[in-house]
Amino acid sequence: MMIKGITVCLTALALLGLLCDAKPFPHQQKAREPERPNQKKQTFETFSWSYPETEEQPTSTQVVVAVDEPERAETVTATCGETTAMVTVQKDLFGNGQIINPNDLLLGGCSNNYEDSTSLVFEPQLHECESISQMQGDHIFYAFTLVYDPKPLSGSNVVRTNKATVIVECHYPRHHNVTSLPLEPKWVPFSTVKVSEQFLLFSLRLKTVDWLFERAGGQYFLGDLIYIEATVHEFHHVPLRVFVDSCTASVQDSNEGPTYTLINNNGCFLDSLVTQSKSKFLARTHGHKLQFQFEAFMFPEVNENVNIQIRCELRATSQGSGIDETNRACSFYDNRWNEVDGNNNACNSCPAPSASGGGSGGGTSYNPGGGSGSQQSVEVVLNLVDKVIIP
């Protein structure tokens, strides 16, 4: 029994030793940790980033340009008479140097009566040329329509000026004092005529270039303009208008020397026609005064400095008398006769250029005393020098 027990123990020990030497199963082997690669620590630089700032555009300086307003061109003027209106229009109508075509300008359908180098003149009756008359309060006025309608330039279909319309008005008071000047009675008392004639005084004076003063001396050089003013002193008369019917130049204190006719034929200034000089009557400043000018001259047959005598026939009429072929003051310029008071038709009987003459006996015939009104002969003496002597 003892031996059987020992054998069992030995067998158990042998099995136990076998179990102790046995290798473990693969899945029982402990997993080895993987080898970590030899890594170096990397360092990174830090930087900041933002959206780029918008570049500011330079602010432009605002320049204020002042635009000049166009100046009003005062190229239309009107003079209102008792029965007519005189409208003067400059050919440079817009004041910009652009000369208009006279055919494009009408006053209520009427063409201009006459023109010169710079202006057009219309002289309609108050009831003519489609005028419109109306009453406002104590006034009555007549309105004309001046229309400028430019046509295309010749050879083209363009125009360089705008259309324009100008209203011209003449205003008159409805209530006013009545004058007797336009009335011509059938008879005049003789005593009234004599008293009137006694108080009429005419004068002929040399004037300075500005017409303000009487010239001290009468010496002139060739080429100078001589300014003369004819005057009638009214005293207690009705308003008067003076005329120069004739003027003749001669050598002083010589009855047989040469003569030259300056003015003839009831107020025709022949010198401006014969010699194309600057001789002319000037626009009136007063009815009782008449100013005129002419260029200094010499008589070729007189070889020394002499005094020239100017003898003029002056005549005065009532201002109520009209301007006609007897009462006129006509000058020749712009190739036609022009009357100083605006009625150029009164100059129709003045000589034409082909009929003019000068010197002794020149010009047309003249009938002294042919006009109405009071008349008187007045003289001035000039000392005309042909050259300047420099010592």
Protein backbone atom coordinates (compact mmCIF):
# COMPACT_ATOMS: atom_id res chain seq x y z
CA MET A 1 0.00 0.00 0.00
CA MET A 2 2.92 2.24 0.87
CA ILE A 3 4.64 1.58 -2.44
CA LYS A 4 1.43 2.33 -4.40
CA GLY A 5 1.16 5.62 -2.67
CA ILE A 6 4.75 6.63 -3.50
CA THR A 7 4.24 5.73 -7.11
CA VAL A 8 1.21 8.02 -7.34
CA CYS A 9 3.18 10.86 -5.77
CA LEU A 10 6.08 10.51 -8.15
CA THR A 11 3.75 10.44 -11.10
CA ALA A 12 2.12 13.60 -9.83
CA LEU A 13 5.49 15.31 -9.41
CA ALA A 14 6.60 14.32 -12.87
CA LEU A 15 3.47 15.81 -14.41
CA LEU A 16 3.95 18.91 -12.35
CA GLY A 17 7.52 19.31 -13.61
CA LEU A 18 6.35 18.79 -17.16
CA LEU A 19 3.87 21.57 -16.66
CA CYS A 20 6.54 23.85 -15.29
CA ASP A 21 8.89 23.40 -18.29
CA ALA A 22 6.12 23.80 -20.90
CA LYS A 23 6.36 27.00 -23.08
CA PRO A 24 3.43 29.35 -23.18
CA PHE A 25 1.24 29.61 -26.27
CA PRO A 26 2.00 32.33 -28.69
CA HIS A 27 -1.08 34.26 -27.79
CA GLN A 28 -0.05 34.21 -24.25
CA GLN A 29 3.28 35.96 -25.01
CA LYS A 30 3.42 39.56 -23.80
CA ALA A 31 3.29 42.07 -26.70
CA ARG A 32 6.37 44.13 -26.94
CA GLU A 33 5.98 47.90 -27.10
CA PRO A 34 6.82 49.27 -30.55
CA GLU A 35 10.00 51.21 -30.79
CA ARG A 36 9.43 54.92 -31.05
CA PRO A 37 11.34 56.60 -33.84
CA ASN A 38 13.92 59.05 -32.82
CA GLN A 39 11.93 62.29 -33.48
CA LYS A 40 13.23 65.75 -32.93
CA LYS A 41 10.97 68.49 -31.69
CA GLN A 42 10.21 70.99 -34.42
CA THR A 43 9.80 74.64 -33.66
CA PHE A 44 7.53 76.92 -35.72
CA GLU A 45 7.81 80.66 -36.02
CA THR A 46 4.64 82.53 -35.15
CA PHE A 47 3.39 85.36 -37.35
CA SER A 48 0.30 87.53 -37.47
CA TRP A 49 -1.85 88.26 -40.62
CA SER A 50 -4.62 90.68 -41.34
CA TYR A 51 -6.44 91.96 -44.40
CA PRO A 52 -4.48 94.67 -46.19
CA GLU A 53 -5.70 98.14 -45.44
CA THR A 54 -7.51 99.88 -48.28
CA GLU A 55 -5.28 102.58 -49.68
CA GLU A 56 -7.01 105.93 -49.36
CA GLN A 57 -7.52 107.73 -52.63
CA PRO A 58 -6.21 111.28 -52.63
CA THR A 59 -9.03 113.73 -52.23
CA SER A 60 -9.36 115.86 -55.32
CA THR A 61 -9.51 119.60 -54.71
CA GLN A 62 -12.80 120.97 -55.92
CA VAL A 63 -12.22 124.04 -58.01
CA VAL A 64 -15.14 126.42 -58.17
CA VAL A 65 -15.21 128.14 -61.53
CA ALA A 66 -17.21 131.33 -61.53
CA VAL A 67 -19.22 131.60 -64.70
CA ASP A 68 -19.67 135.20 -65.69
CA GLU A 69 -23.21 136.05 -66.54
CA PRO A 70 -23.46 137.59 -69.99
CA GLU A 71 -23.77 141.33 -69.95
CA ARG A 72 -27.00 142.71 -71.26
CA ALA A 73 -26.40 144.11 -74.71
CA GLU A 74 -28.05 147.53 -74.88
CA THR A 75 -28.26 147.63 -78.65
CA VAL A 76 -31.86 148.77 -79.13
CA THR A 77 -32.91 152.34 -78.37
CA ALA A 78 -36.14 154.19 -79.05
CA THR A 79 -37.08 157.85 -79.32
CA CYS A 80 -40.80 158.60 -79.09
CA GLY A 81 -42.11 161.66 -80.92
CA GLU A 82 -45.54 163.20 -81.15
CA THR A 83 -46.63 161.07 -84.13
CA THR A 84 -43.69 158.78 -84.85
CA ALA A 85 -41.24 156.50 -83.08
CA MET A 86 -37.60 156.19 -84.06
CA VAL A 87 -36.11 152.79 -83.19
CA THR A 88 -32.34 152.42 -83.62
CA VAL A 89 -30.89 148.90 -83.65
CA GLN A 90 -27.17 148.18 -83.63
CA LYS A 91 -26.08 145.71 -86.31
CA ASP A 92 -24.16 143.94 -83.55
CA LEU A 93 -27.54 143.08 -82.02
CA PHE A 94 -26.27 140.61 -79.41
CA GLY A 95 -23.12 142.53 -78.51
CA ASN A 96 -20.87 139.61 -79.48
CA GLY A 97 -19.37 140.99 -82.67
CA GLN A 98 -21.71 138.99 -84.94
CA ILE A 99 -23.20 141.40 -87.47
CA ILE A 100 -26.79 140.58 -88.39
CA ASN A 101 -28.31 140.62 -91.86
CA PRO A 102 -30.60 143.70 -92.11
CA ASN A 103 -33.12 141.67 -94.11
CA ASP A 104 -33.66 139.38 -91.09
CA LEU A 105 -34.82 142.22 -88.83
CA LEU A 106 -38.37 143.59 -89.02
CA LEU A 107 -40.38 145.96 -86.86
CA GLY A 108 -43.90 144.60 -86.96
CA GLY A 109 -43.43 143.52 -90.56
CA CYS A 110 -41.79 146.82 -91.62
CA SER A 111 -38.24 147.02 -92.94
CA ASN A 112 -35.78 149.67 -91.76
CA ASN A 113 -36.05 153.16 -93.23
CA TYR A 114 -32.31 153.64 -93.55
CA GLU A 115 -29.02 152.31 -92.20
CA ASP A 116 -25.41 153.26 -91.73
CA SER A 117 -22.27 151.25 -91.10
CA THR A 118 -23.24 150.32 -87.52
CA SER A 119 -27.01 150.61 -87.07
CA LEU A 120 -30.46 150.24 -88.60
CA VAL A 121 -33.15 152.89 -88.09
CA PHE A 122 -36.92 152.36 -88.16
CA GLU A 123 -39.22 155.41 -88.22
CA PRO A 124 -42.83 154.20 -88.20
CA GLN A 125 -45.92 156.22 -87.45
CA LEU A 126 -47.43 155.32 -84.09
CA HIS A 127 -50.32 153.51 -85.80
CA GLU A 128 -48.18 151.68 -88.37
CA CYS A 129 -46.15 148.45 -88.42
CA GLU A 130 -48.72 146.37 -86.51
CA SER A 131 -48.44 148.55 -83.40
CA ILE A 132 -50.77 147.90 -80.46
CA SER A 133 -52.23 150.81 -78.46
CA GLN A 134 -53.56 150.41 -74.96
CA MET A 135 -54.51 152.62 -72.03
CA GLN A 136 -53.28 152.11 -68.49
CA GLY A 137 -54.47 154.56 -65.89
CA ASP A 138 -53.46 158.06 -66.96
CA HIS A 139 -51.20 156.83 -69.76
CA ILE A 140 -51.60 155.49 -73.26
CA PHE A 141 -48.84 153.47 -74.82
CA TYR A 142 -48.02 152.13 -78.26
CA ALA A 143 -46.16 148.81 -78.48
CA PHE A 144 -44.10 147.59 -81.45
CA THR A 145 -42.61 144.12 -81.83
CA LEU A 146 -39.06 143.96 -83.15
CA VAL A 147 -38.42 140.47 -84.53
CA TYR A 148 -35.06 139.05 -85.57
CA ASP A 149 -35.43 135.78 -87.51
CA PRO A 150 -32.03 134.75 -88.93
CA LYS A 151 -31.96 132.91 -92.23
CA PRO A 152 -29.26 130.32 -93.09
CA LEU A 153 -26.01 131.82 -94.21
CA SER A 154 -25.51 131.96 -97.95
CA GLY A 155 -24.19 128.71 -99.35
CA SER A 156 -24.98 126.77 -96.18
CA ASN A 157 -27.86 125.60 -94.03
CA VAL A 158 -26.59 126.91 -90.68
CA VAL A 159 -27.16 130.05 -88.63
CA ARG A 160 -24.86 131.57 -86.02
CA THR A 161 -27.32 133.69 -84.05
CA ASN A 162 -30.52 132.98 -82.15
CA LYS A 163 -33.95 134.32 -82.86
CA ALA A 164 -34.87 137.35 -80.78
CA THR A 165 -37.96 139.41 -80.05
CA VAL A 166 -37.85 142.88 -78.47
CA ILE A 167 -40.92 144.82 -77.37
CA VAL A 168 -40.59 148.58 -77.94
CA GLU A 169 -43.09 150.81 -76.11
CA CYS A 170 -43.82 154.52 -76.26
CA HIS A 171 -45.78 155.90 -73.27
CA TYR A 172 -47.70 159.17 -73.35
CA PRO A 173 -49.72 160.94 -70.63
CA ARG A 174 -53.43 161.13 -71.39
CA HIS A 175 -53.76 164.45 -69.59
CA HIS A 176 -51.34 167.26 -70.42
CA ASN A 177 -51.21 170.93 -71.21
CA VAL A 178 -52.10 171.86 -74.77
CA THR A 179 -49.52 173.90 -76.68
CA SER A 180 -50.27 176.30 -79.47
CA LEU A 181 -46.95 175.73 -81.24
CA PRO A 182 -48.35 173.57 -84.07
CA LEU A 183 -50.95 176.25 -84.85
CA GLU A 184 -50.15 178.80 -87.53
CA PRO A 185 -52.58 181.73 -87.41
CA LYS A 186 -53.68 183.37 -90.62
CA TRP A 187 -52.50 186.77 -89.45
CA VAL A 188 -49.90 188.13 -87.06
CA PRO A 189 -50.10 191.67 -85.68
CA PHE A 190 -47.38 193.89 -87.10
CA SER A 191 -46.41 195.15 -83.68
CA THR A 192 -45.84 191.58 -82.49
CA VAL A 193 -43.51 190.91 -85.43
CA LYS A 194 -41.47 194.04 -84.80
CA VAL A 195 -41.10 193.35 -81.07
CA SER A 196 -40.04 189.75 -81.77
CA GLU A 197 -37.47 190.80 -84.35
CA GLN A 198 -35.95 193.33 -81.99
CA PHE A 199 -35.23 190.71 -79.35
CA LEU A 200 -33.61 188.09 -81.63
CA LEU A 201 -29.85 187.98 -81.24
CA PHE A 202 -27.66 185.58 -83.23
CA SER A 203 -24.05 184.64 -82.51
CA LEU A 204 -21.33 182.57 -84.15
CA ARG A 205 -18.52 181.46 -81.84
CA LEU A 206 -15.36 179.38 -82.13
CA LYS A 207 -15.45 176.57 -79.55
CA THR A 208 -12.93 174.24 -77.91
CA VAL A 209 -12.81 170.58 -78.92
CA ASP A 210 -15.09 169.56 -76.02
CA TRP A 211 -17.60 172.34 -76.90
CA LEU A 212 -17.56 173.57 -73.30
CA PHE A 213 -15.77 176.90 -73.74
CA GLU A 214 -15.28 179.61 -76.30
CA ARG A 215 -11.89 179.33 -77.99
CA ALA A 216 -9.54 182.13 -77.04
CA GLY A 217 -7.77 182.53 -80.38
CA GLY A 218 -8.54 181.95 -84.03
CA GLN A 219 -5.20 180.50 -85.20
CA TYR A 220 -5.33 177.04 -86.79
CA PHE A 221 -2.97 174.79 -88.72
CA LEU A 222 -3.82 172.84 -91.82
CA GLY A 223 -5.52 169.59 -90.88
CA ASP A 224 -7.05 171.00 -87.67
CA LEU A 225 -10.77 170.70 -87.10
CA ILE A 226 -12.53 174.03 -86.56
CA TYR A 227 -15.51 173.88 -84.20
CA ILE A 228 -18.20 176.57 -84.55
CA GLU A 229 -21.45 177.02 -82.64
CA ALA A 230 -24.36 179.04 -84.01
CA THR A 231 -26.81 180.33 -81.40
CA VAL A 232 -30.01 182.33 -81.29
CA HIS A 233 -30.84 183.92 -77.93
CA GLU A 234 -34.51 183.35 -77.22
CA PHE A 235 -35.22 185.87 -74.45
CA HIS A 236 -39.02 185.92 -74.14
CA HIS A 237 -39.79 184.09 -77.36
CA VAL A 238 -41.39 180.73 -77.80
CA PRO A 239 -38.77 177.94 -78.13
CA LEU A 240 -36.71 178.52 -81.29
CA ARG A 241 -34.63 176.36 -83.60
CA VAL A 242 -31.62 177.87 -85.38
CA PHE A 243 -30.37 176.94 -88.88
CA VAL A 244 -27.27 177.81 -90.88
CA ASP A 245 -28.49 178.53 -94.41
CA SER A 246 -25.08 179.33 -95.92
CA CYS A 247 -21.42 179.87 -95.07
CA THR A 248 -18.77 181.35 -97.38
CA ALA A 249 -15.04 181.68 -96.73
CA SER A 250 -12.97 184.52 -98.16
CA VAL A 251 -9.76 186.41 -97.50
CA GLN A 252 -10.35 189.10 -94.91
CA ASP A 253 -10.47 192.68 -96.19
CA SER A 254 -10.26 191.53 -99.81
CA ASN A 255 -13.09 192.13 -102.26
CA GLU A 256 -11.39 190.43 -105.20
CA GLY A 257 -9.75 187.43 -103.53
CA PRO A 258 -10.86 183.81 -103.81
CA THR A 259 -13.94 182.53 -102.04
CA TYR A 260 -15.04 179.04 -101.02
CA THR A 261 -18.60 177.89 -100.32
CA LEU A 262 -18.84 175.69 -97.23
CA ILE A 263 -22.64 175.58 -96.78
CA ASN A 264 -25.28 176.50 -99.34
CA ASN A 265 -28.81 175.88 -100.56
CA ASN A 266 -30.55 176.26 -97.18
CA GLY A 267 -28.29 174.11 -95.03
CA CYS A 268 -26.47 171.70 -97.42
CA PHE A 269 -22.90 171.23 -96.12
CA LEU A 270 -21.17 171.17 -99.51
CA ASP A 271 -17.64 170.91 -98.13
CA SER A 272 -18.29 167.36 -96.88
CA LEU A 273 -19.54 166.41 -100.36
CA VAL A 274 -16.90 168.16 -102.49
CA THR A 275 -13.75 167.23 -100.54
CA GLN A 276 -14.97 164.10 -98.64
CA SER A 277 -13.78 165.80 -95.46
CA LYS A 278 -14.96 165.42 -91.88
CA SER A 279 -17.10 168.53 -92.18
CA LYS A 280 -20.59 168.03 -90.79
CA PHE A 281 -23.34 169.30 -88.52
CA LEU A 282 -23.38 167.69 -85.08
CA ALA A 283 -26.44 166.37 -83.26
CA ARG A 284 -28.31 169.12 -81.48
CA THR A 285 -27.97 169.57 -77.74
CA HIS A 286 -30.51 172.42 -77.69
CA GLY A 287 -32.91 173.66 -80.31
CA HIS A 288 -31.52 177.21 -80.20
CA LYS A 289 -27.97 175.96 -80.85
CA LEU A 290 -26.41 174.30 -83.90
CA GLN A 291 -22.83 173.03 -83.85
CA PHE A 292 -20.76 172.19 -86.90
CA GLN A 293 -17.16 171.45 -87.76
CA PHE A 294 -14.92 171.63 -90.82
CA GLU A 295 -11.25 171.08 -91.61
CA ALA A 296 -8.85 174.00 -91.89
CA PHE A 297 -7.84 174.87 -95.46
CA MET A 298 -5.82 177.39 -97.46
CA PHE A 299 -6.29 179.12 -100.78
CA PRO A 300 -3.44 177.96 -103.05
CA GLU A 301 -3.24 181.33 -104.83
CA VAL A 302 -2.56 183.06 -101.49
CA ASN A 303 1.05 182.33 -100.56
CA GLU A 304 1.23 183.91 -97.13
CA ASN A 305 -0.49 183.38 -93.84
CA VAL A 306 -3.73 185.29 -94.00
CA ASN A 307 -6.88 185.73 -92.01
CA ILE A 308 -9.85 183.83 -93.42
CA GLN A 309 -13.29 185.34 -92.91
CA ILE A 310 -16.26 182.98 -92.53
CA ARG A 311 -19.59 184.66 -93.26
CA CYS A 312 -22.72 182.67 -92.39
CA GLU A 313 -26.42 183.35 -92.81
CA LEU A 314 -28.32 182.20 -89.71
CA ARG A 315 -32.08 181.80 -89.42
CA ALA A 316 -34.39 180.93 -86.52
CA THR A 317 -37.88 179.42 -86.63
CA SER A 318 -40.32 178.18 -84.04
CA GLN A 319 -39.60 174.66 -82.82
CA GLY A 320 -43.16 173.85 -83.78
CA SER A 321 -42.20 174.24 -87.43
CA GLY A 322 -41.34 171.02 -89.18
CA ILE A 323 -38.08 169.95 -90.80
CA ASP A 324 -38.30 170.37 -94.57
CA GLU A 325 -36.26 171.49 -97.58
CA THR A 326 -36.18 175.03 -96.18
CA ASN A 327 -35.52 174.28 -92.51
CA ARG A 328 -32.73 171.72 -92.46
CA ALA A 329 -29.09 171.02 -91.60
CA CYS A 330 -27.71 168.35 -93.97
CA SER A 331 -24.26 166.71 -93.98
CA PHE A 332 -22.88 164.29 -96.56
CA TYR A 333 -21.34 161.11 -95.10
CA ASP A 334 -21.79 157.35 -95.50
CA ASN A 335 -22.31 158.16 -99.21
CA ARG A 336 -25.61 159.99 -98.59
CA TRP A 337 -27.11 163.14 -97.11
CA ASN A 338 -28.06 163.02 -93.42
CA GLU A 339 -30.24 165.60 -91.67
CA VAL A 340 -29.16 166.51 -88.15
CA ASP A 341 -32.70 166.23 -86.72
CA GLY A 342 -33.32 162.82 -88.33
CA ASN A 343 -35.57 163.73 -91.29
CA ASN A 344 -33.25 162.73 -94.13
CA ASN A 345 -35.98 163.26 -96.73
CA ALA A 346 -35.54 166.98 -96.20
CA CYS A 347 -32.10 166.66 -97.84
CA ASN A 348 -33.43 165.34 -101.16
CA SER A 349 -32.89 168.66 -102.90
CA CYS A 350 -29.25 168.91 -101.82
CA PRO A 351 -26.88 168.38 -104.77
CA ALA A 352 -25.94 164.86 -105.81
CA PRO A 353 -22.24 163.90 -105.89
CA SER A 354 -22.09 164.33 -109.67
CA ALA A 355 -23.54 167.83 -109.44
CA SER A 356 -21.32 169.14 -106.64
CA GLY A 357 -18.77 171.85 -107.05
CA GLY A 358 -16.46 173.89 -104.84
CA GLY A 359 -14.45 177.04 -104.73
CA SER A 360 -15.58 180.35 -106.10
CA GLY A 361 -18.99 180.01 -107.66
CA GLY A 362 -19.19 176.28 -106.78
CA GLY A 363 -22.28 174.42 -105.61
CA THR A 364 -25.91 174.95 -106.46
CA SER A 365 -27.71 178.23 -106.56
CA TYR A 366 -28.93 179.75 -103.30
CA ASN A 367 -31.74 182.21 -102.78
CA PRO A 368 -31.09 184.33 -99.66
CA GLY A 369 -34.16 184.82 -97.60
CA GLY A 370 -35.93 181.85 -99.15
CA GLY A 371 -36.81 180.35 -95.77
CA SER A 372 -39.34 181.51 -93.23
CA GLY A 373 -38.35 183.01 -89.90
CA SER A 374 -35.86 185.66 -88.79
CA GLN A 375 -32.50 185.81 -90.55
CA GLN A 376 -29.17 187.48 -89.82
CA SER A 377 -25.64 187.45 -91.22
CA VAL A 378 -22.87 186.65 -88.73
CA GLU A 379 -19.09 186.47 -89.23
CA VAL A 380 -16.06 184.90 -87.58
CA VAL A 381 -12.41 185.49 -88.45
CA LEU A 382 -9.84 182.68 -88.56
CA ASN A 383 -6.08 182.92 -88.87
CA LEU A 384 -5.04 179.83 -90.87
CA VAL A 385 -1.37 178.83 -90.90
CA ASP A 386 -0.07 176.46 -93.58
CA LYS A 387 2.80 175.02 -91.52
CA VAL A 388 4.37 175.00 -88.08
CA ILE A 389 7.68 176.87 -87.83
CA ILE A 390 10.03 175.36 -85.27
CA PRO A 391 12.81 177.76 -84.22
